Amino acid sequence: MFDPVRRSRALLAVALSACALLAACAAPETGNGRSTGVPAAPGEYVTGGTIEYGHEQEPPCIHGGWVQNAYLARQYLDNLVSLADDGRVVPWLANSWDISPDRRTYTFHLKPGVRFSDGTDVDAAAVKTTFNSYLNPDNPNGTVVSYIGQYFASDEAIDKYTYRLHLKQPYSPLLTVITQGYFGIQSAKALARGTKANCSAPVGSGPFIIERWDRNRSITFVRNPNYNSAPANARHQGPAYVDKVIWKFLKDPVLRYGSLTSGSSDVIYNVPAINWTAATRSFQTRQYVTPGRPNAITLNVANKPFDDVRVRQAFAFSADRERAVKTAFLGVVPFNANGALSQSTPNYDPQSGAYPYDPARANALLDQAGWTGRDADGTRTRGTERLTARVVYAADAIIGPEGAAILQDIAYQARQVGFDLTLVPATQSAYFGGQYAKSNTYDAYVGYWTSPTPGLLYINWRQRLEGNPNPYNNAFYNDPHLQQVIEQANSSADPTQQQELYRQAQRIIGDQALAIGLYTQTTSLAVAPKLHDVWIEKSQGGPVFADARFVR
């Protein structure tokens, strides 16, 4: 039987030249990925070739609402707009856009002459069909709904190349939000085939076309020879240089890194921490701290014992989270104390949710909460109750071996002040399939959410009400004031006011100890020196291969 803890412990033990044809040494990247490792190899650029890419997770459908879907979408879909390294939203399928004075209407002017790979036009009608499909209550894209469902009023195709989106109220993050892969534009003709067909073979207008999906093995993308709609921040315009990208699913980190060192992969994702130093000696390496919400432990206030803020705070103080993260990731992945936002997210507040390691304060808070007894195992008691909690995490899907080791460390330290934590490793299908959707199925829930905007707070902390459900509020914490603060931030046109309101929201979440931050979701790539211009896009940290080419 698979033992994620044993495996995690074992793992822990153990500037391109300006000329068109010749590549010189690589210059450091700026904005979207810290560049380390060896320089790109000099040589003559060649046309064609196949990129073998070793990825980690395989989603249940090619298109969907998980970040793993968004990584795939970047290869075969185009969005209306793109997010540049400096945080500006720049043109993609939309050449330009207008915003009404009341900031409730966005009009997008599309590039003419763009076609989907099935030969149909990328026009305003296709954009409308795509957005309506994502927001369809009978078969929604949950992530798209979570971002814009509460704000969306209506949309219309004004003419062939003019699409207009109407909002119920101003939503300042809108343009940044729709740079994410979830919002890629799909062929209306293909969408009409139904859910099953579009699960395995969605159709876009991007630089690559899905040739086939060999489940549990790989997805093969082939070059779109007619590609003419690259975003403004792409490194070149026109079709991709390579013929194919074989996107292999190599969940095991040892096998994934081994595929790079053996030459069977040209690029790999999520370089194991134990191999990072070695990777920098032999390969081009890129690391990008993804904005959004870090990997964090969200505490369920609907259940005992975390219905008491003093117990939540005691838990936050009980473990040296920073040391646990540094030990597990060998200093490669940053610690992120704030459980509401990752440190690379705009308007991140470094003071929120700090809770330094302080077992004395943890013990005092538990005493105040009435957990004054101890049983034979050292677990605190209050009358006949024991201080226990179930911590659910998606083993080898959301949480890898290093993350599992961190949770083990935290559980051990929490035990010293009297908590008895049961770590529950969930399968990917159970975690995403709703097995842990109800409040009585867990006491704490581990996960992250990639997002380029602090407007993400609205998704995670909007109230979870019977008449207006919010499945992404995993804390079951209903605070109308917190929701109001976030809504005001999302609607404000004043950056200074936005910053203050987002800070207030983070402070509420931190003071209530609702989400205990652990580490950032970080994209790391190791690239063979012979492959140039693989880069990491800024909105979610996905690898981009449309500009990549080999040298000989």
Protein backbone atom coordinates (compact mmCIF):
# COMPACT_ATOMS: atom_id res chain seq x y z
CA MET A 1 0.00 0.00 0.00
CA PHE A 2 1.28 3.49 -0.86
CA ASP A 3 2.66 5.37 2.13
CA PRO A 4 3.05 9.11 1.36
CA VAL A 5 4.79 9.77 4.65
CA ARG A 6 7.45 7.10 4.16
CA ARG A 7 7.99 8.27 0.63
CA SER A 8 8.33 11.91 1.66
CA ARG A 9 10.87 11.03 4.34
CA ALA A 10 12.88 8.99 1.85
CA LEU A 11 12.96 11.84 -0.61
CA LEU A 12 14.03 14.26 2.06
CA ALA A 13 16.84 11.92 3.09
CA VAL A 14 18.09 11.57 -0.12
CA ALA A 15 20.80 36.31 -22.76
CA LEU A 16 20.10 35.05 -26.05
CA SER A 17 21.95 36.88 -28.84
CA ALA A 18 20.06 39.29 -31.08
CA CYS A 19 20.97 37.47 -34.28
CA ALA A 20 18.32 35.37 -35.94
CA LEU A 21 20.27 32.15 -36.35
CA LEU A 22 22.90 31.89 -33.65
CA ALA A 23 22.23 31.68 -29.94
CA ALA A 24 24.74 33.01 -27.45
CA CYS A 25 24.60 32.93 -23.67
CA ALA A 26 21.24 33.42 -21.96
CA ALA A 27 20.37 36.63 -20.12
CA PRO A 28 18.47 36.43 -16.83
CA GLU A 29 14.70 36.57 -17.10
CA THR A 30 12.85 39.40 -15.44
CA GLY A 31 9.28 39.50 -14.22
CA ASN A 32 8.06 35.98 -14.82
CA GLY A 33 10.55 33.56 -13.40
CA ARG A 34 13.88 33.82 -11.58
CA SER A 35 16.47 32.47 -13.99
CA THR A 36 19.28 30.34 -12.56
CA GLY A 37 21.32 27.36 -13.64
CA VAL A 38 23.50 27.13 -16.71
CA PRO A 39 23.20 29.40 -19.75
CA ALA A 40 21.35 28.25 -22.83
CA ALA A 41 23.75 26.45 -25.12
CA PRO A 42 25.08 28.44 -28.10
CA GLY A 43 24.39 27.08 -31.55
CA GLU A 44 22.37 27.44 -34.70
CA TYR A 45 18.61 27.52 -34.32
CA VAL A 46 16.80 24.68 -36.07
CA THR A 47 13.23 24.52 -37.32
CA GLY A 48 10.97 21.80 -36.01
CA GLY A 49 11.66 19.11 -33.46
CA THR A 50 9.64 17.68 -30.59
CA ILE A 51 9.68 18.99 -27.03
CA GLU A 52 9.33 16.19 -24.51
CA TYR A 53 7.93 17.76 -21.36
CA GLY A 54 7.62 15.96 -18.02
CA HIS A 55 4.69 17.33 -16.05
CA GLU A 56 3.27 16.25 -12.71
CA GLN A 57 -0.54 16.06 -12.52
CA GLU A 58 -3.09 14.83 -15.04
CA PRO A 59 -6.52 16.46 -14.76
CA PRO A 60 -9.72 14.47 -15.40
CA CYS A 61 -10.47 16.60 -18.49
CA ILE A 62 -8.16 18.61 -20.73
CA HIS A 63 -10.16 21.78 -20.10
CA GLY A 64 -11.57 22.63 -16.69
CA GLY A 65 -11.22 24.71 -13.56
CA TRP A 66 -8.02 23.37 -11.96
CA VAL A 67 -4.70 25.13 -12.48
CA GLN A 68 -3.46 21.96 -14.20
CA ASN A 69 -6.14 22.59 -16.86
CA ALA A 70 -4.97 26.19 -17.18
CA TYR A 71 -1.42 25.04 -17.89
CA LEU A 72 -2.72 22.92 -20.76
CA ALA A 73 -5.01 25.69 -22.01
CA ARG A 74 -2.05 27.99 -22.59
CA GLN A 75 -0.87 25.64 -25.34
CA TYR A 76 -4.05 25.37 -27.45
CA LEU A 77 -6.31 28.29 -26.47
CA ASP A 78 -6.04 32.04 -26.88
CA ASN A 79 -7.50 34.49 -24.37
CA LEU A 80 -8.91 37.94 -24.95
CA VAL A 81 -5.99 39.49 -23.05
CA SER A 82 -2.65 38.48 -21.53
CA LEU A 83 -0.70 39.45 -18.41
CA ALA A 84 2.75 40.91 -19.09
CA ASP A 85 5.80 40.59 -16.84
CA ASP A 86 5.24 44.06 -15.37
CA GLY A 87 1.64 43.29 -14.42
CA ARG A 88 0.03 45.19 -17.30
CA VAL A 89 -2.85 43.59 -19.18
CA VAL A 90 -1.91 43.54 -22.88
CA PRO A 91 -3.73 42.60 -26.12
CA TRP A 92 -4.22 39.04 -27.29
CA LEU A 93 -7.36 38.12 -29.22
CA ALA A 94 -8.61 41.58 -28.36
CA ASN A 95 -6.61 44.33 -30.05
CA SER A 96 -8.11 46.88 -27.68
CA TRP A 97 -10.96 47.42 -25.26
CA ASP A 98 -13.08 50.22 -23.83
CA ILE A 99 -14.47 50.55 -20.33
CA SER A 100 -17.62 52.58 -19.70
CA PRO A 101 -17.51 55.53 -17.27
CA ASP A 102 -19.46 53.55 -14.67
CA ARG A 103 -16.97 50.63 -15.13
CA ARG A 104 -19.79 48.15 -15.66
CA THR A 105 -19.41 47.60 -19.40
CA TYR A 106 -16.32 46.29 -21.21
CA THR A 107 -16.19 46.37 -25.00
CA PHE A 108 -13.53 44.21 -26.67
CA HIS A 109 -12.40 44.82 -30.26
CA LEU A 110 -11.17 41.51 -31.68
CA LYS A 111 -8.39 40.80 -34.16
CA PRO A 112 -9.90 40.02 -37.57
CA GLY A 113 -8.85 36.97 -39.55
CA VAL A 114 -8.20 34.59 -36.64
CA ARG A 115 -9.56 31.06 -36.98
CA PHE A 116 -9.95 28.11 -34.68
CA SER A 117 -8.15 24.95 -35.70
CA ASP A 118 -11.46 23.54 -36.97
CA GLY A 119 -11.62 26.38 -39.52
CA THR A 120 -14.36 28.44 -37.87
CA ASP A 121 -13.92 32.13 -37.14
CA VAL A 122 -12.78 33.57 -33.84
CA ASP A 123 -15.42 36.26 -33.62
CA ALA A 124 -17.65 37.95 -31.08
CA ALA A 125 -20.24 35.18 -31.37
CA ALA A 126 -17.61 32.58 -30.44
CA VAL A 127 -16.50 34.65 -27.44
CA LYS A 128 -20.11 34.96 -26.28
CA THR A 129 -20.72 31.23 -26.75
CA THR A 130 -17.58 30.42 -24.75
CA PHE A 131 -18.43 32.66 -21.81
CA ASN A 132 -22.04 31.46 -21.77
CA SER A 133 -20.78 27.87 -21.78
CA TYR A 134 -18.51 28.53 -18.81
CA LEU A 135 -21.37 30.20 -16.91
CA ASN A 136 -23.99 27.61 -17.86
CA PRO A 137 -25.68 26.61 -14.57
CA ASP A 138 -26.38 23.10 -15.91
CA ASN A 139 -22.71 22.39 -16.63
CA PRO A 140 -20.60 25.25 -15.33
CA ASN A 141 -16.88 25.79 -15.21
CA GLY A 142 -16.82 26.26 -11.45
CA THR A 143 -13.69 28.39 -11.42
CA VAL A 144 -15.02 30.83 -14.03
CA VAL A 145 -18.31 31.07 -12.13
CA SER A 146 -16.44 31.70 -8.88
CA TYR A 147 -14.58 34.65 -10.41
CA ILE A 148 -17.27 36.41 -12.43
CA GLY A 149 -20.58 34.65 -11.75
CA GLN A 150 -21.60 37.07 -9.01
CA TYR A 151 -20.71 40.05 -11.21
CA PHE A 152 -21.85 38.92 -14.66
CA ALA A 153 -25.06 40.58 -15.91
CA SER A 154 -25.16 39.87 -19.66
CA ASP A 155 -23.09 39.95 -22.83
CA GLU A 156 -23.62 40.55 -26.52
CA ALA A 157 -21.95 40.36 -29.90
CA ILE A 158 -22.25 43.92 -31.20
CA ASP A 159 -20.90 42.97 -34.59
CA LYS A 160 -18.57 40.29 -35.97
CA TYR A 161 -15.51 41.56 -34.13
CA THR A 162 -16.97 43.49 -31.19
CA TYR A 163 -17.87 41.70 -27.96
CA ARG A 164 -19.46 43.52 -25.02
CA LEU A 165 -19.63 42.29 -21.42
CA HIS A 166 -21.98 43.89 -18.87
CA LEU A 167 -21.43 43.65 -15.10
CA LYS A 168 -23.89 44.07 -12.25
CA GLN A 169 -21.38 46.25 -10.43
CA PRO A 170 -17.80 47.40 -11.00
CA TYR A 171 -15.23 44.62 -10.75
CA SER A 172 -11.75 46.11 -10.95
CA PRO A 173 -9.84 42.80 -11.28
CA LEU A 174 -11.82 41.73 -14.38
CA LEU A 175 -9.13 42.23 -17.03
CA THR A 176 -6.48 40.56 -14.89
CA VAL A 177 -8.82 37.69 -14.06
CA ILE A 178 -9.53 36.82 -17.70
CA THR A 179 -5.82 36.47 -18.50
CA GLN A 180 -6.00 33.04 -16.82
CA GLY A 181 -6.22 29.86 -18.87
CA TYR A 182 -9.69 29.06 -17.55
CA PHE A 183 -11.01 31.91 -19.72
CA GLY A 184 -9.51 30.73 -23.03
CA ILE A 185 -11.84 31.10 -26.03
CA GLN A 186 -13.12 27.87 -27.60
CA SER A 187 -14.73 27.03 -30.92
CA ALA A 188 -18.51 27.36 -30.77
CA LYS A 189 -18.81 24.50 -33.25
CA ALA A 190 -16.71 22.28 -31.01
CA LEU A 191 -18.56 23.28 -27.84
CA ALA A 192 -21.80 22.19 -29.49
CA ARG A 193 -20.49 18.60 -29.55
CA GLY A 194 -21.19 18.35 -25.83
CA THR A 195 -19.33 17.86 -22.58
CA LYS A 196 -17.76 14.48 -23.29
CA ALA A 197 -16.13 15.50 -26.58
CA ASN A 198 -14.85 18.74 -25.13
CA CYS A 199 -13.40 16.94 -22.14
CA SER A 200 -10.97 15.00 -24.31
CA ALA A 201 -10.60 17.13 -27.44
CA PRO A 202 -11.37 20.85 -26.94
CA VAL A 203 -10.71 23.12 -29.92
CA GLY A 204 -8.99 26.49 -29.74
CA SER A 205 -7.06 28.92 -31.90
CA GLY A 206 -3.77 28.62 -30.02
CA PRO A 207 -0.25 27.80 -31.20
CA PHE A 208 -0.77 24.05 -30.80
CA ILE A 209 -3.57 21.62 -31.65
CA ILE A 210 -4.45 18.60 -29.51
CA GLU A 211 -3.58 15.55 -31.59
CA ARG A 212 -4.38 12.88 -29.02
CA TRP A 213 -4.68 12.16 -25.32
CA ASP A 214 -3.23 8.87 -24.12
CA ARG A 215 -4.74 8.80 -20.65
CA ASN A 216 -2.38 8.21 -17.76
CA ARG A 217 0.52 8.79 -20.15
CA SER A 218 0.59 11.97 -22.22
CA ILE A 219 -1.10 14.57 -24.40
CA THR A 220 0.41 15.21 -27.82
CA PHE A 221 0.19 18.75 -29.16
CA VAL A 222 1.08 19.47 -32.80
CA ARG A 223 2.04 22.81 -34.28
CA ASN A 224 -0.80 24.99 -35.61
CA PRO A 225 0.67 26.08 -38.96
CA ASN A 226 -1.86 28.90 -39.32
CA TYR A 227 -1.28 30.50 -35.95
CA ASN A 228 -1.46 34.30 -36.22
CA SER A 229 -2.78 35.49 -32.87
CA ALA A 230 0.05 35.46 -30.34
CA PRO A 231 -0.32 37.80 -27.36
CA ALA A 232 1.53 41.10 -27.28
CA ASN A 233 3.96 39.74 -24.67
CA ALA A 234 4.96 36.66 -26.68
CA ARG A 235 8.60 36.42 -27.73
CA HIS A 236 7.68 36.13 -31.38
CA GLN A 237 4.61 36.39 -33.60
CA GLY A 238 3.48 33.58 -35.88
CA PRO A 239 3.40 29.78 -35.62
CA ALA A 240 5.37 27.86 -33.02
CA TYR A 241 8.92 26.88 -33.99
CA VAL A 242 8.67 23.24 -32.92
CA ASP A 243 6.54 20.55 -34.56
CA LYS A 244 5.21 18.90 -31.42
CA VAL A 245 5.02 19.03 -27.66
CA ILE A 246 4.56 15.71 -25.89
CA TRP A 247 3.16 16.60 -22.46
CA LYS A 248 3.97 13.56 -20.32
CA PHE A 249 2.41 12.88 -16.94
CA LEU A 250 5.17 11.81 -14.58
CA LYS A 251 3.75 12.09 -11.09
CA ASP A 252 6.68 10.40 -9.37
CA PRO A 253 9.30 13.12 -8.73
CA VAL A 254 12.21 10.68 -8.90
CA LEU A 255 11.11 9.43 -12.32
CA ARG A 256 10.38 12.95 -13.53
CA TYR A 257 13.82 14.27 -12.66
CA GLY A 258 15.40 11.08 -13.97
CA SER A 259 13.71 11.62 -17.32
CA LEU A 260 15.52 14.95 -17.60
CA THR A 261 18.95 13.64 -16.63
CA SER A 262 18.57 10.68 -18.99
CA GLY A 263 17.59 12.92 -21.89
CA SER A 264 14.10 11.46 -22.35
CA SER A 265 12.62 14.83 -21.34
CA ASP A 266 13.78 18.25 -22.52
CA VAL A 267 11.92 20.10 -19.77
CA ILE A 268 10.39 19.08 -16.46
CA TYR A 269 8.00 20.80 -14.07
CA ASN A 270 8.32 20.95 -10.28
CA VAL A 271 11.95 20.03 -9.81
CA PRO A 272 12.22 18.07 -6.53
CA ALA A 273 13.83 20.18 -3.83
CA ILE A 274 16.44 17.53 -3.19
CA ASN A 275 17.54 17.79 -6.85
CA TRP A 276 17.37 21.58 -7.25
CA THR A 277 21.05 22.29 -6.61
CA ALA A 278 22.12 19.55 -9.01
CA ALA A 279 19.66 20.84 -11.62
CA THR A 280 21.21 24.32 -11.50
CA ARG A 281 24.60 22.81 -12.36
CA SER A 282 23.42 21.07 -15.53
CA PHE A 283 20.25 22.74 -16.76
CA GLN A 284 18.59 26.07 -17.29
CA THR A 285 16.32 26.55 -14.30
CA ARG A 286 13.35 28.87 -13.80
CA GLN A 287 11.44 29.48 -10.63
CA TYR A 288 8.26 31.53 -10.25
CA VAL A 289 6.35 32.09 -7.03
CA THR A 290 2.77 31.89 -8.23
CA PRO A 291 0.37 34.56 -6.97
CA GLY A 292 -2.91 33.67 -5.32
CA ARG A 293 -3.33 31.75 -2.10
CA PRO A 294 -0.43 29.70 -0.71
CA ASN A 295 -0.62 26.13 0.42
CA ALA A 296 -2.39 26.61 3.72
CA ILE A 297 -4.35 24.73 6.38
CA THR A 298 -7.88 26.12 6.44
CA LEU A 299 -9.64 25.52 9.76
CA ASN A 300 -13.31 24.56 9.71
CA VAL A 301 -15.20 26.80 12.15
CA ALA A 302 -18.37 24.71 11.77
CA ASN A 303 -16.83 21.86 13.78
CA LYS A 304 -15.19 21.43 17.13
CA PRO A 305 -12.48 22.15 18.10
CA PHE A 306 -11.82 24.95 15.59
CA ASP A 307 -15.14 26.67 16.24
CA ASP A 308 -13.22 28.45 19.03
CA VAL A 309 -10.85 31.21 17.86
CA ARG A 310 -8.58 30.55 20.84
CA VAL A 311 -8.07 26.95 19.71
CA ARG A 312 -7.39 28.10 16.15
CA GLN A 313 -4.82 30.60 17.40
CA ALA A 314 -3.26 27.99 19.66
CA PHE A 315 -2.86 25.66 16.70
CA ALA A 316 -1.21 28.46 14.70
CA PHE A 317 1.27 29.11 17.51
CA SER A 318 1.93 25.41 18.19
CA ALA A 319 4.25 24.63 15.27
CA ASP A 320 7.42 26.13 13.85
CA ARG A 321 6.00 26.28 10.34
CA GLU A 322 8.90 28.26 8.92
CA ARG A 323 11.45 25.69 10.05
CA ALA A 324 9.27 22.85 8.78
CA VAL A 325 9.07 24.44 5.33
CA LYS A 326 12.79 25.18 5.17
CA THR A 327 13.63 21.64 6.24
CA ALA A 328 11.30 19.94 3.79
CA PHE A 329 12.10 22.13 0.79
CA LEU A 330 15.78 22.68 1.66
CA GLY A 331 15.23 26.44 1.34
CA VAL A 332 14.10 26.18 -2.29
CA VAL A 333 10.40 27.07 -1.80
CA PRO A 334 9.48 30.11 0.32
CA PHE A 335 7.62 29.98 3.62
CA ASN A 336 4.35 31.95 3.53
CA ALA A 337 2.85 32.63 6.96
CA ASN A 338 -0.13 34.54 5.59
CA GLY A 339 -2.74 31.90 4.77
CA ALA A 340 -4.95 34.25 2.75
CA LEU A 341 -2.57 35.47 0.02
CA SER A 342 0.75 34.40 -1.40
CA GLN A 343 3.66 36.84 -1.13
CA SER A 344 3.77 37.43 -4.90
CA THR A 345 0.13 38.54 -5.03
CA PRO A 346 -0.51 42.29 -5.40
CA ASN A 347 -1.48 43.92 -2.07
CA TYR A 348 -0.11 41.01 -0.03
CA ASP A 349 0.19 41.90 3.67
CA PRO A 350 3.24 40.27 5.28
CA GLN A 351 1.94 40.95 8.80
CA SER A 352 -1.29 38.99 8.48
CA GLY A 353 -1.34 35.53 10.01
CA ALA A 354 2.24 35.69 11.26
CA TYR A 355 1.81 33.55 14.42
CA PRO A 356 5.47 32.83 15.22
CA TYR A 357 6.28 29.55 16.91
CA ASP A 358 5.27 30.03 20.55
CA PRO A 359 4.20 26.85 22.39
CA ALA A 360 3.82 28.77 25.65
CA ARG A 361 1.15 31.02 24.10
CA ALA A 362 -0.47 27.98 22.52
CA ASN A 363 -0.69 26.27 25.90
CA ALA A 364 -2.10 29.39 27.55
CA LEU A 365 -4.78 29.79 24.88
CA LEU A 366 -5.84 26.15 25.23
CA ASP A 367 -6.06 26.57 29.00
CA GLN A 368 -8.29 29.62 28.47
CA ALA A 369 -10.50 27.60 26.13
CA GLY A 370 -11.03 24.98 28.85
CA TRP A 371 -8.80 22.25 27.44
CA THR A 372 -7.00 21.79 30.75
CA GLY A 373 -6.90 18.01 31.15
CA ARG A 374 -4.57 15.44 29.60
CA ASP A 375 -5.18 11.81 28.86
CA ALA A 376 -2.64 8.98 28.95
CA ASP A 377 -1.46 9.86 25.42
CA GLY A 378 -0.86 13.49 26.34
CA THR A 379 -3.84 14.73 24.37
CA ARG A 380 -5.69 17.60 25.98
CA THR A 381 -9.18 16.98 27.29
CA ARG A 382 -12.18 19.06 28.27
CA GLY A 383 -14.50 16.90 30.30
CA THR A 384 -15.04 13.81 28.19
CA GLU A 385 -13.85 15.47 24.94
CA ARG A 386 -10.40 14.96 23.44
CA LEU A 387 -8.67 17.71 21.42
CA THR A 388 -8.68 15.94 18.07
CA ALA A 389 -8.95 17.13 14.47
CA ARG A 390 -8.98 15.54 11.00
CA VAL A 391 -6.72 17.26 8.45
CA VAL A 392 -7.60 16.34 4.87
CA TYR A 393 -5.09 16.84 2.05
CA ALA A 394 -4.84 15.57 -1.52
CA ALA A 395 -1.79 13.31 -1.42
CA ASP A 396 0.40 13.52 -4.53
CA ALA A 397 -2.05 15.92 -6.21
CA ILE A 398 -2.18 19.14 -4.19
CA ILE A 399 0.41 18.05 -1.63
CA GLY A 400 3.60 16.37 -2.80
CA PRO A 401 6.18 14.49 -0.73
CA GLU A 402 7.73 17.65 0.75
CA GLY A 403 4.31 19.00 1.70
CA ALA A 404 3.38 15.70 3.35
CA ALA A 405 6.57 15.88 5.40
CA ILE A 406 5.63 19.42 6.52
CA LEU A 407 2.21 18.23 7.68
CA GLN A 408 3.82 15.39 9.60
CA ASP A 409 6.16 17.86 11.29
CA ILE A 410 3.29 20.20 12.19
CA ALA A 411 1.19 17.33 13.57
CA TYR A 412 4.11 16.21 15.73
CA GLN A 413 4.69 19.70 17.14
CA ALA A 414 0.98 20.29 17.71
CA ARG A 415 0.91 17.08 19.71
CA GLN A 416 3.43 18.59 22.15
CA VAL A 417 0.84 21.17 23.25
CA GLY A 418 -1.98 18.62 23.33
CA PHE A 419 -3.53 18.36 19.84
CA ASP A 420 -4.17 14.95 18.34
CA LEU A 421 -4.20 15.54 14.58
CA THR A 422 -5.17 12.79 12.17
CA LEU A 423 -3.75 13.39 8.70
CA VAL A 424 -6.12 12.10 6.03
CA PRO A 425 -4.43 11.63 2.60
CA ALA A 426 -7.23 11.87 0.05
CA THR A 427 -7.05 10.63 -3.50
CA GLN A 428 -7.27 13.19 -6.29
CA SER A 429 -10.70 11.88 -7.33
CA ALA A 430 -12.05 12.04 -3.77
CA TYR A 431 -10.61 15.49 -3.11
CA PHE A 432 -12.02 17.03 -6.29
CA GLY A 433 -15.07 14.78 -6.55
CA GLY A 434 -16.96 16.18 -3.57
CA GLN A 435 -16.22 13.55 -0.94
CA TYR A 436 -15.05 16.30 1.41
CA ALA A 437 -17.58 18.96 0.43
CA LYS A 438 -19.68 18.82 3.61
CA SER A 439 -18.63 20.45 6.84
CA ASN A 440 -18.76 17.22 8.83
CA THR A 441 -16.15 15.49 6.65
CA TYR A 442 -13.09 17.40 7.90
CA ASP A 443 -11.85 19.76 10.58
CA ALA A 444 -9.01 21.23 8.54
CA TYR A 445 -8.42 21.29 4.79
CA VAL A 446 -5.13 21.78 2.97
CA GLY A 447 -4.90 23.44 -0.44
CA TYR A 448 -3.90 26.42 -2.55
CA TRP A 449 -5.41 28.59 -5.28
CA THR A 450 -3.41 30.28 -8.03
CA SER A 451 -4.65 33.73 -9.02
CA PRO A 452 -3.04 36.95 -10.28
CA THR A 453 -5.30 39.19 -8.17
CA PRO A 454 -6.13 39.70 -4.49
CA GLY A 455 -9.74 39.68 -5.67
CA LEU A 456 -9.34 35.93 -5.04
CA LEU A 457 -10.25 36.74 -1.43
CA TYR A 458 -13.85 37.11 -2.58
CA ILE A 459 -13.88 33.52 -3.84
CA ASN A 460 -12.44 31.99 -0.68
CA TRP A 461 -14.23 34.13 1.90
CA ARG A 462 -17.62 35.11 0.45
CA GLN A 463 -20.24 33.77 2.82
CA ARG A 464 -21.43 30.21 2.40
CA LEU A 465 -25.18 30.69 2.62
CA GLU A 466 -28.03 28.34 1.83
CA GLY A 467 -29.53 30.69 -0.75
CA ASN A 468 -26.15 31.66 -2.18
CA PRO A 469 -23.72 28.75 -1.73
CA ASN A 470 -19.97 29.13 -1.94
CA PRO A 471 -18.16 25.77 -2.04
CA TYR A 472 -14.76 27.50 -2.00
CA ASN A 473 -15.24 28.88 1.53
CA ASN A 474 -13.64 25.81 3.09
CA ALA A 475 -13.61 27.41 6.54
CA PHE A 476 -17.43 27.66 6.57
CA TYR A 477 -16.79 31.13 7.99
CA ASN A 478 -19.67 33.52 7.42
CA ASP A 479 -18.76 37.12 8.17
CA PRO A 480 -20.82 39.76 6.34
CA HIS A 481 -18.33 42.47 7.32
CA LEU A 482 -15.39 40.55 5.81
CA GLN A 483 -17.38 39.99 2.62
CA GLN A 484 -18.30 43.67 2.47
CA VAL A 485 -14.65 44.76 2.82
CA ILE A 486 -13.59 42.45 -0.02
CA GLU A 487 -16.47 43.58 -2.22
CA GLN A 488 -15.52 47.20 -1.66
CA ALA A 489 -11.93 46.42 -2.60
CA ASN A 490 -13.01 44.61 -5.76
CA SER A 491 -15.21 47.52 -6.83
CA SER A 492 -12.86 50.36 -5.96
CA ALA A 493 -11.12 52.28 -8.73
CA ASP A 494 -8.58 53.80 -6.33
CA PRO A 495 -5.43 51.64 -5.97
CA THR A 496 -4.63 53.12 -2.56
CA GLN A 497 -8.10 52.34 -1.26
CA GLN A 498 -7.94 48.86 -2.76
CA GLN A 499 -4.67 48.16 -0.98
CA GLU A 500 -6.06 49.28 2.37
CA LEU A 501 -9.26 47.27 2.00
CA TYR A 502 -7.43 44.11 0.92
CA ARG A 503 -5.10 44.61 3.89
CA GLN A 504 -8.10 44.86 6.22
CA ALA A 505 -9.52 41.64 4.82
CA GLN A 506 -6.23 39.79 5.30
CA ARG A 507 -5.98 41.07 8.87
CA ILE A 508 -9.46 39.76 9.69
CA ILE A 509 -8.60 36.34 8.26
CA GLY A 510 -5.26 36.34 10.07
CA ASP A 511 -6.57 37.58 13.42
CA GLN A 512 -9.27 34.93 13.36
CA ALA A 513 -6.65 32.27 12.51
CA LEU A 514 -8.85 30.88 9.76
CA ALA A 515 -6.07 29.84 7.38
CA ILE A 516 -2.61 28.84 8.56
CA GLY A 517 -0.08 29.57 5.82
CA LEU A 518 2.65 27.08 4.92
CA TYR A 519 4.46 27.63 1.61
CA THR A 520 3.96 29.26 -1.75
CA GLN A 521 2.73 27.40 -4.80
CA THR A 522 5.87 27.65 -6.91
CA THR A 523 6.48 26.75 -10.53
CA SER A 524 9.97 25.46 -11.14
CA LEU A 525 11.26 24.31 -14.51
CA ALA A 526 14.51 22.65 -15.50
CA VAL A 527 15.27 22.96 -19.21
CA ALA A 528 17.95 21.25 -21.27
CA PRO A 529 20.55 23.78 -22.50
CA LYS A 530 19.78 22.97 -26.15
CA LEU A 531 16.20 24.27 -25.82
CA HIS A 532 15.80 28.06 -25.79
CA ASP A 533 12.99 30.42 -24.84
CA VAL A 534 10.78 28.29 -22.63
CA TRP A 535 9.19 30.81 -20.30
CA ILE A 536 6.67 30.99 -17.47
CA GLU A 537 3.53 33.05 -17.96
CA LYS A 538 2.65 35.42 -15.16
CA SER A 539 -1.04 34.84 -14.42
CA GLN A 540 -0.69 31.29 -13.08
CA GLY A 541 2.88 30.16 -13.61
CA GLY A 542 2.25 27.93 -16.60
CA PRO A 543 5.05 26.92 -18.99
CA VAL A 544 4.88 28.43 -22.50
CA PHE A 545 6.33 26.49 -25.44
CA ALA A 546 5.10 28.52 -28.42
CA ASP A 547 8.35 30.53 -28.54
CA ALA A 548 10.72 27.67 -27.75
CA ARG A 549 13.25 26.31 -30.27
CA PHE A 550 16.20 23.98 -30.33
CA VAL A 551 19.80 24.65 -31.25
CA ARG A 552 22.33 22.28 -32.75
